[in-house]
Amino acid sequence: MTTELQCPRCKKTVLWSDKFPHRPFCSERCQLIDLGGWAQERYSIPVLSETDEEEWE
């Protein structure tokens, strides 16, 4: 059974197999566009600040 997913960039169908070496992206182009977004800090992973962490304790 092969898993199907959508490219996070362009939404084309991608199979989780060796036929798609850039998975989960459909191509190297989509992969590099996404990498460029991270490099330009367009994306971020939220973290708790020290004051937020104190509230949880």
Protein backbone atom coordinates (compact mmCIF):
# COMPACT_ATOMS: atom_id res chain seq x y z
CA MET A 1 0.00 0.00 0.00
CA THR A 2 1.36 3.41 -1.00
CA THR A 3 0.50 6.53 0.93
CA GLU A 4 -0.78 9.53 -1.02
CA LEU A 5 -0.36 13.07 0.26
CA GLN A 6 -0.43 16.59 -1.08
CA CYS A 7 2.65 18.71 -1.68
CA PRO A 8 2.67 21.32 1.11
CA ARG A 9 3.56 24.00 -1.44
CA CYS A 10 1.44 23.44 -4.58
CA LYS A 11 -1.01 20.75 -3.39
CA LYS A 12 -0.18 18.25 -6.19
CA THR A 13 -0.62 14.59 -5.27
CA VAL A 14 2.60 12.91 -4.16
CA LEU A 15 3.13 9.22 -3.50
CA TRP A 16 5.28 8.27 -0.53
CA SER A 17 7.71 6.22 -2.61
CA ASP A 18 11.16 6.37 -4.18
CA LYS A 19 9.56 7.86 -7.32
CA PHE A 20 9.30 11.14 -5.39
CA PRO A 21 12.74 11.75 -3.86
CA HIS A 22 11.75 15.23 -2.62
CA ARG A 23 8.73 13.98 -0.66
CA PRO A 24 6.64 15.37 0.94
CA PHE A 25 7.20 17.89 -1.86
CA CYS A 26 6.40 17.06 -5.49
CA SER A 27 9.64 18.51 -6.84
CA GLU A 28 12.95 20.08 -5.93
CA ARG A 29 11.48 23.46 -6.88
CA CYS A 30 8.71 23.24 -4.27
CA GLN A 31 11.22 21.98 -1.71
CA LEU A 32 13.56 24.93 -2.32
CA ILE A 33 10.72 27.47 -2.22
CA ASP A 34 9.74 26.12 1.20
CA LEU A 35 13.35 26.15 2.41
CA GLY A 36 13.65 29.77 1.27
CA GLY A 37 10.59 30.65 3.36
CA TRP A 38 12.26 29.23 6.47
CA ALA A 39 15.53 31.03 5.63
CA GLN A 40 13.67 34.35 5.30
CA GLU A 41 11.88 33.66 8.61
CA ARG A 42 8.40 33.65 7.02
CA TYR A 43 7.63 30.57 9.14
CA SER A 44 8.28 30.05 12.82
CA ILE A 45 7.67 27.49 15.52
CA PRO A 46 5.97 29.07 18.53
CA VAL A 47 7.73 28.68 21.87
CA LEU A 48 6.78 29.63 25.38
CA SER A 49 8.62 32.60 26.83
CA GLU A 50 10.08 32.41 30.33
CA THR A 51 7.06 34.26 31.74
CA ASP A 52 4.67 31.81 30.06
CA GLU A 53 6.63 28.87 31.51
CA GLU A 54 6.31 30.33 35.03
CA GLU A 55 2.52 30.48 34.66
CA TRP A 56 2.42 26.75 33.90
CA GLU A 57 4.31 25.81 37.07
